[in-house]
N, C-alpha and C. Protein backbone atom coordinates (compact mmCIF):
# COMPACT_ATOMS: atom_id res chain seq x y z
N MET A 1 -5.42 -15.27 3.94
CA MET A 1 -5.89 -15.28 4.88
C MET A 1 -5.63 -15.42 6.37
N PHE A 2 -4.42 -14.94 6.20
CA PHE A 2 -4.33 -14.52 7.88
C PHE A 2 -4.45 -12.98 8.17
N CYS A 3 -3.66 -12.01 7.02
CA CYS A 3 -3.84 -10.67 6.69
C CYS A 3 -5.18 -10.50 6.88
N ARG A 4 -6.15 -11.54 6.18
CA ARG A 4 -7.83 -10.60 6.96
C ARG A 4 -8.13 -11.09 7.76
N GLU A 5 -7.56 -11.68 8.35
CA GLU A 5 -8.00 -12.36 9.81
C GLU A 5 -7.55 -10.75 10.91
N ALA A 6 -5.75 -10.66 11.09
CA ALA A 6 -5.48 -9.32 11.48
C ALA A 6 -5.97 -7.99 10.97
N VAL A 7 -6.54 -7.69 10.28
CA VAL A 7 -7.64 -6.77 9.79
C VAL A 7 -8.72 -6.92 10.63
N ALA A 8 -9.30 -7.70 10.30
CA ALA A 8 -10.69 -8.19 10.75
C ALA A 8 -10.34 -7.52 12.57
N SER A 9 -9.46 -8.48 13.04
CA SER A 9 -9.70 -8.48 14.71
C SER A 9 -9.17 -6.57 15.02
N LEU A 10 -8.08 -5.99 13.91
CA LEU A 10 -7.90 -5.25 14.89
C LEU A 10 -8.77 -4.11 14.00
N SER A 11 -9.38 -4.32 13.32
CA SER A 11 -11.12 -3.29 12.88
C SER A 11 -11.90 -2.94 13.73
N ALA A 12 -11.88 -4.10 14.34
CA ALA A 12 -13.35 -4.59 15.40
C ALA A 12 -12.50 -3.71 17.02
N LEU A 13 -12.07 -3.06 17.09
CA LEU A 13 -10.91 -2.39 17.74
C LEU A 13 -11.11 -0.74 17.40
N GLU A 14 -11.64 -0.52 16.06
CA GLU A 14 -11.31 0.77 15.68
C GLU A 14 -12.09 1.88 16.78
N GLY A 15 -13.32 1.82 16.71
CA GLY A 15 -13.19 2.27 17.89
C GLY A 15 -12.88 2.42 19.62
N GLU A 16 -12.73 1.37 20.24
CA GLU A 16 -11.94 1.42 21.34
C GLU A 16 -10.48 2.26 21.11
N ILE A 17 -10.38 1.66 20.17
CA ILE A 17 -8.70 2.47 19.51
C ILE A 17 -8.59 3.83 19.78
N ALA A 18 -9.40 4.11 19.61
CA ALA A 18 -10.37 5.96 19.11
C ALA A 18 -10.62 6.11 20.63
N ALA A 19 -11.45 5.76 20.93
CA ALA A 19 -11.27 6.25 22.48
C ALA A 19 -10.37 6.54 23.64
N ARG A 20 -9.45 6.06 22.96
CA ARG A 20 -8.50 5.15 23.96
C ARG A 20 -6.73 7.01 23.68
N GLY A 21 -8.07 7.46 22.26
CA GLY A 21 -6.99 8.66 21.55
C GLY A 21 -6.47 8.14 20.17
N GLY A 22 -6.25 7.01 19.97
CA GLY A 22 -5.40 6.34 19.35
C GLY A 22 -5.89 6.53 17.63
N THR A 23 -4.75 5.96 16.89
CA THR A 23 -5.39 5.48 15.17
C THR A 23 -5.24 4.38 14.41
N LEU A 24 -5.92 3.82 14.07
CA LEU A 24 -5.90 2.59 14.00
C LEU A 24 -5.63 2.96 12.38
N VAL A 25 -4.11 3.11 12.04
CA VAL A 25 -3.74 2.32 10.78
C VAL A 25 -3.50 1.00 9.81
N PHE A 26 -2.99 0.84 8.33
CA PHE A 26 -2.71 -0.44 8.26
C PHE A 26 -2.06 -0.33 7.14
N VAL A 27 -0.98 -1.42 7.16
CA VAL A 27 0.09 -0.98 6.15
C VAL A 27 0.47 -2.24 5.33
N GLY A 28 0.01 -2.03 3.91
CA GLY A 28 -0.31 -3.65 3.20
C GLY A 28 1.15 -3.31 2.37
N ASN A 29 1.17 -4.40 1.64
CA ASN A 29 2.37 -4.72 0.57
C ASN A 29 1.68 -4.71 -0.45
N GLY A 30 0.97 -4.78 -1.24
CA GLY A 30 0.92 -5.17 -2.18
C GLY A 30 0.77 -3.53 -3.38
N THR A 31 0.20 -3.58 -4.53
CA THR A 31 0.64 -2.47 -5.55
C THR A 31 -1.16 -1.59 -5.06
N PRO A 32 -1.18 -0.52 -4.98
CA PRO A 32 -2.35 0.61 -4.95
C PRO A 32 -3.72 0.39 -5.25
N LEU A 33 -3.97 -0.35 -6.29
CA LEU A 33 -4.65 -1.26 -6.83
C LEU A 33 -4.88 -2.24 -6.25
N MET A 34 -4.49 -3.60 -5.12
CA MET A 34 -4.40 -4.18 -4.43
C MET A 34 -4.87 -3.34 -3.07
N ALA A 35 -4.26 -2.61 -2.32
CA ALA A 35 -5.11 -2.38 -1.23
C ALA A 35 -6.26 -1.57 -1.52
N GLN A 36 -6.43 -0.96 -3.11
CA GLN A 36 -8.40 -0.30 -2.94
C GLN A 36 -8.68 -1.51 -3.09
N ALA A 37 -9.30 -2.09 -3.63
CA ALA A 37 -9.87 -3.53 -4.01
C ALA A 37 -9.64 -4.30 -2.36
N PHE A 38 -8.60 -4.85 -1.55
CA PHE A 38 -8.76 -5.00 -0.06
C PHE A 38 -9.81 -4.17 0.37
N VAL A 39 -9.81 -2.65 0.90
CA VAL A 39 -10.35 -2.07 1.45
C VAL A 39 -12.16 -1.64 0.89
N GLU A 40 -12.15 -2.07 0.10
CA GLU A 40 -13.27 -2.59 -1.03
C GLU A 40 -14.29 -3.83 -0.36
N GLN A 41 -13.33 -4.52 -0.61
CA GLN A 41 -13.77 -6.12 0.03
C GLN A 41 -14.20 -6.45 1.30
N PHE A 42 -12.85 -6.10 2.14
CA PHE A 42 -13.53 -6.17 3.50
C PHE A 42 -13.92 -5.02 4.32
N GLN A 43 -14.29 -4.05 3.48
CA GLN A 43 -14.93 -3.10 4.18
C GLN A 43 -13.69 -2.00 4.97
N VAL A 44 -13.01 -1.82 5.09
CA VAL A 44 -11.57 -1.50 5.81
C VAL A 44 -11.99 0.40 6.48
N THR A 45 -12.16 0.49 6.15
CA THR A 45 -12.70 1.94 7.09
C THR A 45 -11.43 2.67 7.97
N ALA A 46 -10.66 1.65 8.23
CA ALA A 46 -9.29 2.98 8.60
C ALA A 46 -8.22 2.62 7.44
N PRO A 47 -7.91 3.72 7.60
CA PRO A 47 -7.05 4.41 6.39
C PRO A 47 -5.93 3.07 6.06
N LEU A 48 -5.73 3.06 5.11
CA LEU A 48 -4.59 0.99 4.47
C LEU A 48 -4.14 2.21 3.50
N TYR A 49 -2.12 1.75 4.05
CA TYR A 49 -1.29 2.52 2.75
C TYR A 49 -0.59 0.99 2.24
N THR A 50 -0.02 1.49 1.01
CA THR A 50 0.35 0.40 0.20
C THR A 50 2.07 0.44 0.48
N ASP A 51 2.76 -0.24 0.59
CA ASP A 51 4.74 0.04 0.28
C ASP A 51 4.93 -1.09 -0.29
N PRO A 52 4.90 -1.79 -1.95
CA PRO A 52 4.99 -2.70 -2.55
C PRO A 52 6.77 -2.82 -1.72
N SER A 53 7.28 -2.20 -1.81
CA SER A 53 9.05 -2.07 -1.50
C SER A 53 9.75 -2.68 -0.34
N ARG A 54 8.17 -2.95 1.16
CA ARG A 54 8.49 -2.68 2.21
C ARG A 54 9.40 -2.27 3.09
N ALA A 55 9.68 -0.76 2.44
CA ALA A 55 10.59 -0.38 2.92
C ALA A 55 10.03 -0.35 4.53
N ALA A 56 9.05 0.32 4.81
CA ALA A 56 8.34 0.70 6.17
C ALA A 56 8.21 -0.92 6.96
N PHE A 57 8.29 -2.40 6.71
CA PHE A 57 8.04 -3.25 7.13
C PHE A 57 9.85 -3.52 7.57
N LYS A 58 10.69 -3.12 6.40
CA LYS A 58 12.26 -3.01 7.35
C LYS A 58 12.40 -2.74 8.22
N ALA A 59 12.27 -0.65 7.56
CA ALA A 59 12.27 0.12 8.77
C ALA A 59 11.36 -0.11 10.40
N ALA A 60 10.66 -0.64 10.46
CA ALA A 60 9.95 -1.08 11.76
C ALA A 60 10.18 -2.65 12.41
N GLY A 61 11.51 -2.87 11.07
CA GLY A 61 11.87 -4.44 12.46
C GLY A 61 10.85 -6.04 11.94
N LEU A 62 9.71 -5.22 11.30
CA LEU A 62 9.52 -6.22 10.64
C LEU A 62 10.07 -7.89 10.27
N THR A 63 9.58 -9.33 10.26
CA THR A 63 10.44 -9.84 9.48
C THR A 63 9.23 -10.32 8.37
N ARG A 64 10.06 -11.32 7.45
CA ARG A 64 10.22 -12.49 6.51
C ARG A 64 10.22 -13.53 6.69
N ALA A 65 8.90 -14.50 6.93
CA ALA A 65 8.89 -15.97 7.52
C ALA A 65 8.73 -17.44 6.06
N PHE A 66 9.68 -17.82 6.08
CA PHE A 66 9.67 -18.57 4.04
C PHE A 66 8.64 -19.68 4.96
N GLY A 67 7.74 -20.06 4.10
CA GLY A 67 7.19 -21.63 4.47
C GLY A 67 6.67 -21.89 5.25
N LEU A 68 5.66 -22.80 5.70
CA LEU A 68 4.16 -23.09 6.40
C LEU A 68 4.93 -24.14 7.43
N ASN A 69 4.68 -24.36 8.58
CA ASN A 69 5.08 -25.53 9.36
C ASN A 69 3.48 -26.27 10.70
N LEU A 70 3.61 -26.95 10.89
CA LEU A 70 2.54 -27.18 11.14
C LEU A 70 1.80 -26.52 12.85
N ARG A 71 1.79 -25.34 13.18
CA ARG A 71 1.25 -23.99 13.93
C ARG A 71 0.88 -23.71 12.78
N SER A 72 1.27 -23.18 11.59
CA SER A 72 0.63 -21.69 10.82
C SER A 72 -0.30 -23.19 10.14
N VAL A 73 -0.15 -24.19 9.75
CA VAL A 73 -1.25 -25.12 9.67
C VAL A 73 -2.82 -25.28 10.45
N ALA A 74 -2.40 -25.37 11.70
CA ALA A 74 -3.13 -25.40 12.95
C ALA A 74 -4.07 -23.52 12.85
N ARG A 75 -3.34 -22.56 12.81
CA ARG A 75 -3.43 -21.84 12.77
C ARG A 75 -5.08 -21.15 11.83
N GLY A 76 -4.14 -21.85 10.34
CA GLY A 76 -4.79 -21.38 8.70
C GLY A 76 -6.73 -22.11 9.02
N ARG A 77 -6.70 -23.35 10.21
CA ARG A 77 -7.80 -23.94 10.36
C ARG A 77 -8.62 -23.40 11.42
N ARG A 78 -7.90 -22.48 12.02
CA ARG A 78 -8.65 -21.69 12.91
C ARG A 78 -9.13 -20.13 11.94
N ALA A 79 -8.30 -19.67 11.34
CA ALA A 79 -8.38 -18.62 10.54
C ALA A 79 -10.20 -19.05 9.77
N MET A 80 -9.89 -20.44 9.19
CA MET A 80 -11.32 -20.57 8.76
C MET A 80 -12.86 -21.40 9.18
N ALA A 81 -12.38 -21.01 10.36
CA ALA A 81 -13.00 -21.36 11.50
C ALA A 81 -13.92 -20.13 11.00
N SER A 82 -13.35 -19.46 11.36
CA SER A 82 -13.84 -18.25 11.96
C SER A 82 -14.03 -17.31 10.48
N GLY A 83 -14.16 -17.69 9.19
CA GLY A 83 -14.93 -17.19 8.15
C GLY A 83 -13.57 -16.63 7.64
N HIS A 84 -12.39 -16.91 7.26
CA HIS A 84 -11.20 -16.88 6.68
C HIS A 84 -10.44 -17.09 6.08
N ARG A 85 -10.69 -17.42 4.86
CA ARG A 85 -10.63 -18.02 3.82
C ARG A 85 -9.55 -17.21 3.01
N GLN A 86 -8.88 -18.08 1.80
CA GLN A 86 -7.13 -17.70 1.61
C GLN A 86 -7.95 -17.11 0.59
N GLY A 87 -7.84 -16.03 -0.76
CA GLY A 87 -7.65 -16.29 -1.67
C GLY A 87 -6.54 -15.68 -2.36
N LYS A 88 -6.64 -14.66 -3.83
CA LYS A 88 -5.12 -15.16 -4.57
C LYS A 88 -4.26 -14.33 -3.26
N VAL A 89 -3.24 -14.36 -3.63
CA VAL A 89 -1.95 -13.59 -2.95
C VAL A 89 -1.39 -13.06 -3.30
N GLN A 90 -1.37 -11.43 -2.86
CA GLN A 90 -1.24 -10.41 -3.42
C GLN A 90 -0.01 -9.82 -2.42
N GLY A 91 0.88 -9.59 -2.70
CA GLY A 91 2.43 -8.39 -2.44
C GLY A 91 2.64 -9.79 -1.75
N ASP A 92 4.07 -9.66 -1.15
CA ASP A 92 5.17 -10.40 -0.72
C ASP A 92 3.82 -11.68 0.38
N PRO A 93 3.39 -13.33 -0.29
CA PRO A 93 3.39 -13.56 0.92
C PRO A 93 4.13 -14.10 2.27
N TRP A 94 5.35 -13.60 2.33
CA TRP A 94 6.31 -14.31 3.47
C TRP A 94 6.65 -13.18 4.13
N GLN A 95 6.14 -12.22 4.18
CA GLN A 95 6.39 -10.33 5.23
C GLN A 95 5.32 -10.84 5.95
N GLN A 96 6.11 -10.84 7.36
CA GLN A 96 4.44 -10.92 8.27
C GLN A 96 5.09 -9.85 8.70
N GLY A 97 3.67 -9.95 9.69
CA GLY A 97 3.19 -8.05 10.47
C GLY A 97 3.29 -7.98 11.71
N GLY A 98 2.29 -7.27 12.34
CA GLY A 98 2.46 -6.14 13.45
C GLY A 98 1.86 -5.51 13.95
N VAL A 99 2.56 -5.30 15.35
CA VAL A 99 1.28 -3.74 15.63
C VAL A 99 2.04 -3.22 16.14
N LEU A 100 2.05 -1.76 15.97
CA LEU A 100 3.12 -0.79 16.69
C LEU A 100 2.58 0.61 17.75
N VAL A 101 2.72 0.62 18.23
CA VAL A 101 1.85 1.84 18.94
C VAL A 101 2.38 3.05 19.40
N LEU A 102 2.39 3.86 18.05
CA LEU A 102 3.14 5.14 18.25
C LEU A 102 2.83 5.98 19.52
N ASP A 103 3.69 7.18 20.03
CA ASP A 103 3.09 8.24 20.57
C ASP A 103 2.88 9.52 19.87
N GLY A 104 2.46 10.66 20.61
CA GLY A 104 1.95 11.55 19.22
C GLY A 104 3.05 12.50 18.68
N ASP A 105 4.43 11.72 19.00
CA ASP A 105 5.43 12.46 18.51
C ASP A 105 6.30 11.37 17.75
N GLY A 106 5.79 9.80 17.34
CA GLY A 106 6.51 8.29 16.63
C GLY A 106 7.27 8.07 16.73
N VAL A 107 7.19 8.13 18.67
CA VAL A 107 8.65 7.70 19.41
C VAL A 107 7.52 6.00 19.57
N GLU A 108 7.89 4.27 19.71
CA GLU A 108 7.45 3.70 19.27
C GLU A 108 7.15 3.41 20.93
N ARG A 109 5.68 3.42 20.93
CA ARG A 109 5.90 2.48 23.03
C ARG A 109 5.69 0.93 23.26
N TYR A 110 5.36 0.55 22.33
CA TYR A 110 4.64 -0.90 21.85
C TYR A 110 4.57 -2.01 20.83
N ARG A 111 5.21 -2.84 20.82
CA ARG A 111 5.78 -3.48 19.01
C ARG A 111 4.71 -4.44 19.72
N GLN A 112 4.52 -5.45 18.59
CA GLN A 112 4.20 -7.11 18.74
C GLN A 112 5.00 -7.55 17.32
N ASN A 113 5.55 -8.25 16.76
CA ASN A 113 6.23 -8.55 15.73
C ASN A 113 5.26 -10.34 15.71
N THR A 114 4.63 -10.71 14.59
CA THR A 114 4.25 -11.72 14.15
C THR A 114 5.61 -12.47 13.33
N ASP A 115 6.20 -13.64 13.87
CA ASP A 115 6.98 -14.24 13.04
C ASP A 115 6.90 -15.77 12.47
N GLU A 116 6.06 -15.77 12.25
CA GLU A 116 5.06 -17.00 11.94
C GLU A 116 3.87 -16.61 11.23
N ALA A 117 3.38 -17.53 10.21
CA ALA A 117 2.44 -17.11 9.34
C ALA A 117 1.09 -17.07 10.22
N GLY A 118 0.57 -16.47 10.48
CA GLY A 118 -1.37 -16.87 11.31
C GLY A 118 -0.80 -16.47 13.00
N GLU A 119 0.38 -16.54 13.44
CA GLU A 119 0.09 -16.35 15.04
C GLU A 119 -0.31 -14.40 14.88
N ALA A 120 -1.43 -15.19 15.87
CA ALA A 120 -2.78 -14.00 16.70
C ALA A 120 -1.80 -12.99 17.01
N LEU A 121 -2.56 -12.27 16.41
CA LEU A 121 -1.99 -10.72 17.64
C LEU A 121 -2.81 -10.79 19.49
N LEU A 122 -2.59 -10.19 19.38
CA LEU A 122 -2.40 -10.00 21.34
C LEU A 122 -3.45 -8.54 20.94
N LEU A 123 -4.15 -8.56 21.69
CA LEU A 123 -5.14 -7.31 21.62
C LEU A 123 -5.47 -6.87 22.99
N PRO A 124 -5.44 -7.19 23.87
CA PRO A 124 -5.89 -6.26 25.36
C PRO A 124 -4.17 -5.67 25.41
N PRO A 125 -2.87 -6.34 24.99
CA PRO A 125 -1.64 -5.34 25.52
C PRO A 125 -1.68 -4.23 24.27
N VAL A 126 -2.26 -4.27 23.64
CA VAL A 126 -2.50 -3.13 22.25
C VAL A 126 -3.04 -2.05 23.39
N LEU A 127 -4.68 -2.67 23.67
CA LEU A 127 -5.09 -1.10 24.43
C LEU A 127 -4.34 -0.54 25.46
N ALA A 128 -3.82 -1.94 26.30
CA ALA A 128 -3.25 -1.39 27.60
C ALA A 128 -1.92 -0.63 27.07
N ALA A 129 -1.31 -0.83 25.94
CA ALA A 129 -0.93 0.59 25.39
C ALA A 129 -0.44 1.95 25.75
N LEU A 130 -2.04 1.86 25.46
CA LEU A 130 -3.00 2.95 24.65
C LEU A 130 -3.18 3.93 25.75
N ASP A 131 -3.52 3.19 26.61
CA ASP A 131 -3.95 3.24 27.75
C ASP A 131 -3.04 4.25 28.92
N ALA A 132 -1.62 4.30 28.35
CA ALA A 132 -1.00 4.01 29.40
C ALA A 132 -0.21 5.18 28.68
N LEU A 133 -0.40 5.41 27.13
CA LEU A 133 -0.50 6.94 26.90
C LEU A 133 -1.00 7.81 27.20
N ALA A 134 -2.30 7.21 27.54
CA ALA A 134 -3.20 8.78 28.14
C ALA A 134 -2.25 9.33 29.37
N ARG A 135 -2.21 7.86 30.30
CA ARG A 135 -1.79 8.29 31.18
C ARG A 135 -0.76 10.03 31.88
């Protein structure tokens, strides 16, 4: 449910990201068929790539976190309250995500890692990083 929540949050900003000269791209870790089903079910309009080996996640320095804690349970309640439900687990459920802002040369200019299940993405800093690139 947390991946769904993150994709929905970022997808809502797709127009703002494009207006700032950015391109929203998602990377998952399920199979290509899982990725296609996710795109269709959740009407994802940004490109979604998948890396079942998780090599891209490792290269980006994104972590895996095992288990749940009270914070994750509270975050699950938040996600459910905003309409995101847990479905069939696909891919590596312990792989944590994040947001990377890269410049036109592929140089990382901003990073936000999620280190625990359900950790919310802070979206204003993402937009600020894009604004900084435009200067």
